[in-house]
Every structure is written in structure tokens, then in C-alpha cells.
Amino acid sequence: MKIKWSQPVYEDENGPFCFIKAHKNHVNIGFWRGAVMKDPKKLLEGDGVKMRHIKLTQDSIINKKDISDFVKQGLFLNKKLGDPTK
């Protein structure tokens, strides 16, 4: 984990795959390649070309398996497609 773009960013040798961004009333857990991730529960929000995020509020119920699945997908996609920032 590194601090980049004023937020914690998780990356591997193929670039960043996940970030955490604090806002006043919620926290986003974001994924660089969220737009192409499998999301059967429709948890990911956003409309960018690549990125999507999960918005967490104080009332959110966090399912560790869901987050873990997105992290695994992000790692796989980076390995397959390379650095998403390039």
C-alpha cells in the first residue's frame, strides 16, 4: 500500500487495482478496472471509462467476500491487461 493521489492505493507489479477514499459522510473503496468486473450484486457505482467504487456509509453492511472478490478480479485484470494508469 502506498499513499498516492492523497489516498491509500493498493497495487502490485502491474499497477494499482484498489483505493480507499474518505469523504465527509462516506468512504469509497474503488477499483481501477471496476467497469469490466463481474458484479452480480450490483455493488459498484460510477460511470467512468474504467473505475467503479463501493460507497460505504455508517449504515453499510460490509461483506468481506464481496470486497475480496473485487480485489481478486482487480489483480487478475492487471496481470492480464497491464497497468490501468497507462
N, C-alpha and C. Protein backbone atom coordinates (compact mmCIF):
# COMPACT_ATOMS: atom_id res chain seq x y z
N MET A 1 0.85 -1.17 0.00
CA MET A 1 0.00 0.00 0.00
C MET A 1 0.90 1.23 0.00
N LYS A 2 0.49 2.20 -0.79
CA LYS A 2 1.18 3.49 -0.87
C LYS A 2 0.14 4.60 -0.81
N ILE A 3 0.59 5.78 -0.42
CA ILE A 3 -0.28 6.95 -0.50
C ILE A 3 -0.01 7.61 -1.84
N LYS A 4 -1.02 7.65 -2.69
CA LYS A 4 -0.95 8.30 -3.98
C LYS A 4 -2.25 9.05 -4.19
N TRP A 5 -2.17 10.17 -4.86
CA TRP A 5 -3.36 10.96 -5.13
C TRP A 5 -4.13 11.26 -3.83
N SER A 6 -3.37 11.44 -2.74
CA SER A 6 -3.90 11.78 -1.40
C SER A 6 -4.81 10.70 -0.81
N GLN A 7 -4.55 9.44 -1.14
CA GLN A 7 -5.36 8.34 -0.61
C GLN A 7 -4.55 7.05 -0.60
N PRO A 8 -4.93 6.08 0.24
CA PRO A 8 -4.26 4.78 0.19
C PRO A 8 -4.58 4.08 -1.12
N VAL A 9 -3.54 3.60 -1.79
CA VAL A 9 -3.68 2.91 -3.07
C VAL A 9 -2.98 1.55 -2.95
N TYR A 10 -3.67 0.52 -3.34
CA TYR A 10 -3.11 -0.83 -3.32
C TYR A 10 -2.72 -1.19 -4.74
N GLU A 11 -1.49 -1.66 -4.90
CA GLU A 11 -1.00 -2.01 -6.22
C GLU A 11 -0.09 -3.21 -6.15
N ASP A 12 0.12 -3.82 -7.30
CA ASP A 12 1.09 -4.89 -7.43
C ASP A 12 2.06 -4.49 -8.53
N GLU A 13 2.84 -5.42 -9.03
CA GLU A 13 3.83 -5.10 -10.06
C GLU A 13 3.18 -4.63 -11.37
N ASN A 14 1.88 -4.83 -11.52
CA ASN A 14 1.16 -4.42 -12.73
C ASN A 14 0.36 -3.15 -12.54
N GLY A 15 0.61 -2.42 -11.46
CA GLY A 15 -0.06 -1.15 -11.25
C GLY A 15 -1.14 -1.20 -10.18
N PRO A 16 -1.84 -0.08 -9.99
CA PRO A 16 -2.87 -0.01 -8.95
C PRO A 16 -4.12 -0.79 -9.31
N PHE A 17 -4.77 -1.35 -8.29
CA PHE A 17 -6.01 -2.08 -8.53
C PHE A 17 -7.12 -1.66 -7.58
N CYS A 18 -6.79 -1.01 -6.47
CA CYS A 18 -7.79 -0.67 -5.46
C CYS A 18 -7.36 0.59 -4.71
N PHE A 19 -8.33 1.40 -4.28
CA PHE A 19 -8.03 2.57 -3.45
C PHE A 19 -9.13 2.76 -2.42
N ILE A 20 -8.81 3.54 -1.40
CA ILE A 20 -9.79 3.90 -0.38
C ILE A 20 -9.80 5.42 -0.31
N LYS A 21 -10.97 6.00 -0.43
CA LYS A 21 -11.10 7.46 -0.43
C LYS A 21 -12.12 7.86 0.61
N ALA A 22 -11.68 8.66 1.59
CA ALA A 22 -12.58 9.15 2.64
C ALA A 22 -13.26 10.43 2.20
N HIS A 23 -14.57 10.49 2.42
CA HIS A 23 -15.37 11.68 2.18
C HIS A 23 -16.01 12.08 3.51
N LYS A 24 -16.71 13.19 3.54
CA LYS A 24 -17.29 13.67 4.80
C LYS A 24 -18.27 12.67 5.42
N ASN A 25 -19.14 12.07 4.60
CA ASN A 25 -20.20 11.21 5.13
C ASN A 25 -20.13 9.77 4.64
N HIS A 26 -19.07 9.43 3.93
CA HIS A 26 -18.94 8.04 3.45
C HIS A 26 -17.48 7.77 3.06
N VAL A 27 -17.21 6.53 2.79
CA VAL A 27 -15.90 6.09 2.31
C VAL A 27 -16.13 5.28 1.04
N ASN A 28 -15.30 5.52 0.04
CA ASN A 28 -15.37 4.72 -1.18
C ASN A 28 -14.21 3.73 -1.21
N ILE A 29 -14.52 2.51 -1.58
CA ILE A 29 -13.50 1.53 -1.93
C ILE A 29 -13.60 1.40 -3.43
N GLY A 30 -12.54 1.82 -4.11
CA GLY A 30 -12.59 1.90 -5.56
C GLY A 30 -11.69 0.91 -6.25
N PHE A 31 -12.04 0.60 -7.48
CA PHE A 31 -11.31 -0.38 -8.29
C PHE A 31 -11.06 0.21 -9.67
N TRP A 32 -9.78 0.24 -10.06
CA TRP A 32 -9.39 0.84 -11.34
C TRP A 32 -10.11 0.22 -12.52
N ARG A 33 -10.30 -1.07 -12.51
CA ARG A 33 -10.94 -1.75 -13.64
C ARG A 33 -12.38 -2.18 -13.30
N GLY A 34 -13.01 -1.45 -12.42
CA GLY A 34 -14.36 -1.79 -11.98
C GLY A 34 -15.38 -1.87 -13.10
N ALA A 35 -15.16 -1.12 -14.16
CA ALA A 35 -16.13 -1.10 -15.27
C ALA A 35 -16.24 -2.44 -15.98
N VAL A 36 -15.19 -3.27 -15.88
CA VAL A 36 -15.23 -4.57 -16.55
C VAL A 36 -15.30 -5.74 -15.57
N MET A 37 -15.45 -5.44 -14.29
CA MET A 37 -15.52 -6.51 -13.29
C MET A 37 -16.91 -7.14 -13.26
N LYS A 38 -16.93 -8.42 -12.92
CA LYS A 38 -18.20 -9.10 -12.68
C LYS A 38 -18.77 -8.57 -11.38
N ASP A 39 -20.02 -8.13 -11.41
CA ASP A 39 -20.66 -7.52 -10.26
C ASP A 39 -22.13 -7.96 -10.19
N PRO A 40 -22.37 -9.25 -9.89
CA PRO A 40 -23.74 -9.77 -9.93
C PRO A 40 -24.68 -9.11 -8.91
N LYS A 41 -24.14 -8.58 -7.81
CA LYS A 41 -24.98 -7.93 -6.79
C LYS A 41 -25.15 -6.43 -7.05
N LYS A 42 -24.54 -5.94 -8.13
CA LYS A 42 -24.64 -4.51 -8.50
C LYS A 42 -24.18 -3.59 -7.36
N LEU A 43 -23.02 -3.91 -6.79
CA LEU A 43 -22.47 -3.12 -5.70
C LEU A 43 -21.64 -1.94 -6.17
N LEU A 44 -21.09 -2.04 -7.36
CA LEU A 44 -20.21 -1.00 -7.87
C LEU A 44 -20.99 0.17 -8.44
N GLU A 45 -20.54 1.38 -8.12
CA GLU A 45 -21.16 2.61 -8.61
C GLU A 45 -20.16 3.36 -9.48
N GLY A 46 -20.67 4.26 -10.29
CA GLY A 46 -19.83 5.11 -11.11
C GLY A 46 -20.11 4.90 -12.58
N ASP A 47 -19.63 5.85 -13.38
CA ASP A 47 -19.87 5.76 -14.81
C ASP A 47 -18.64 6.12 -15.64
N GLY A 48 -17.47 6.05 -15.02
CA GLY A 48 -16.23 6.33 -15.73
C GLY A 48 -15.89 5.24 -16.73
N VAL A 49 -14.88 5.49 -17.52
CA VAL A 49 -14.44 4.54 -18.54
C VAL A 49 -13.88 3.27 -17.89
N LYS A 50 -13.14 3.42 -16.78
CA LYS A 50 -12.51 2.26 -16.13
C LYS A 50 -12.96 2.06 -14.69
N MET A 51 -12.99 3.11 -13.91
CA MET A 51 -13.15 2.98 -12.46
C MET A 51 -14.60 2.83 -12.01
N ARG A 52 -14.73 2.10 -10.90
CA ARG A 52 -16.00 1.99 -10.18
C ARG A 52 -15.66 1.92 -8.69
N HIS A 53 -16.65 2.18 -7.84
CA HIS A 53 -16.41 2.15 -6.41
C HIS A 53 -17.63 1.61 -5.66
N ILE A 54 -17.38 1.20 -4.43
CA ILE A 54 -18.43 0.83 -3.50
C ILE A 54 -18.50 1.95 -2.47
N LYS A 55 -19.66 2.51 -2.28
CA LYS A 55 -19.85 3.61 -1.33
C LYS A 55 -20.31 3.03 0.00
N LEU A 56 -19.52 3.29 1.04
CA LEU A 56 -19.83 2.79 2.37
C LEU A 56 -20.23 3.94 3.29
N THR A 57 -21.35 3.80 3.96
CA THR A 57 -21.80 4.77 4.96
C THR A 57 -21.80 4.08 6.31
N GLN A 58 -22.15 4.82 7.35
CA GLN A 58 -22.17 4.20 8.68
C GLN A 58 -23.21 3.09 8.77
N ASP A 59 -24.17 3.07 7.88
CA ASP A 59 -25.21 2.04 7.89
C ASP A 59 -24.89 0.85 6.97
N SER A 60 -23.77 0.93 6.25
CA SER A 60 -23.42 -0.13 5.30
C SER A 60 -23.05 -1.41 6.03
N ILE A 61 -23.43 -2.50 5.41
CA ILE A 61 -23.00 -3.82 5.88
C ILE A 61 -21.93 -4.29 4.91
N ILE A 62 -20.75 -4.53 5.44
CA ILE A 62 -19.62 -4.91 4.60
C ILE A 62 -19.51 -6.43 4.55
N ASN A 63 -19.58 -6.96 3.35
CA ASN A 63 -19.40 -8.39 3.14
C ASN A 63 -17.96 -8.60 2.67
N LYS A 64 -17.13 -9.18 3.53
CA LYS A 64 -15.71 -9.37 3.21
C LYS A 64 -15.50 -10.15 1.92
N LYS A 65 -16.36 -11.13 1.67
CA LYS A 65 -16.21 -11.94 0.46
C LYS A 65 -16.42 -11.09 -0.80
N ASP A 66 -17.39 -10.19 -0.77
CA ASP A 66 -17.62 -9.32 -1.93
C ASP A 66 -16.39 -8.46 -2.21
N ILE A 67 -15.85 -7.84 -1.17
CA ILE A 67 -14.65 -6.99 -1.34
C ILE A 67 -13.49 -7.84 -1.82
N SER A 68 -13.31 -9.00 -1.23
CA SER A 68 -12.23 -9.91 -1.62
C SER A 68 -12.35 -10.32 -3.08
N ASP A 69 -13.56 -10.59 -3.53
CA ASP A 69 -13.78 -10.96 -4.94
C ASP A 69 -13.37 -9.84 -5.88
N PHE A 70 -13.69 -8.60 -5.53
CA PHE A 70 -13.30 -7.46 -6.38
C PHE A 70 -11.78 -7.29 -6.39
N VAL A 71 -11.14 -7.46 -5.24
CA VAL A 71 -9.68 -7.36 -5.17
C VAL A 71 -9.04 -8.43 -6.06
N LYS A 72 -9.54 -9.65 -5.96
CA LYS A 72 -9.01 -10.74 -6.80
C LYS A 72 -9.20 -10.45 -8.28
N GLN A 73 -10.37 -9.93 -8.64
CA GLN A 73 -10.60 -9.57 -10.04
C GLN A 73 -9.65 -8.47 -10.49
N GLY A 74 -9.43 -7.47 -9.63
CA GLY A 74 -8.52 -6.39 -9.97
C GLY A 74 -7.11 -6.89 -10.21
N LEU A 75 -6.63 -7.79 -9.35
CA LEU A 75 -5.30 -8.37 -9.52
C LEU A 75 -5.21 -9.18 -10.81
N PHE A 76 -6.24 -9.98 -11.08
CA PHE A 76 -6.26 -10.79 -12.30
C PHE A 76 -6.26 -9.90 -13.55
N LEU A 77 -7.11 -8.88 -13.55
CA LEU A 77 -7.21 -7.99 -14.72
C LEU A 77 -5.91 -7.22 -14.95
N ASN A 78 -5.25 -6.79 -13.87
CA ASN A 78 -3.96 -6.11 -14.04
C ASN A 78 -2.92 -7.05 -14.62
N LYS A 79 -2.93 -8.29 -14.16
CA LYS A 79 -1.97 -9.26 -14.70
C LYS A 79 -2.23 -9.49 -16.18
N LYS A 80 -3.50 -9.59 -16.54
CA LYS A 80 -3.89 -9.86 -17.93
C LYS A 80 -3.71 -8.65 -18.85
N LEU A 81 -4.05 -7.45 -18.35
CA LEU A 81 -4.12 -6.26 -19.19
C LEU A 81 -3.02 -5.23 -18.94
N GLY A 82 -2.26 -5.39 -17.84
CA GLY A 82 -1.20 -4.44 -17.54
C GLY A 82 -1.70 -3.28 -16.67
N ASP A 83 -0.86 -2.29 -16.51
CA ASP A 83 -1.10 -1.14 -15.66
C ASP A 83 -2.30 -0.33 -16.17
N PRO A 84 -3.35 -0.17 -15.35
CA PRO A 84 -4.54 0.55 -15.81
C PRO A 84 -4.34 2.07 -15.90
N THR A 85 -3.23 2.58 -15.41
CA THR A 85 -2.98 4.02 -15.49
C THR A 85 -2.23 4.41 -16.75
N LYS A 86 -1.90 3.44 -17.58
CA LYS A 86 -1.13 3.73 -18.79
C LYS A 86 -1.95 3.46 -20.04
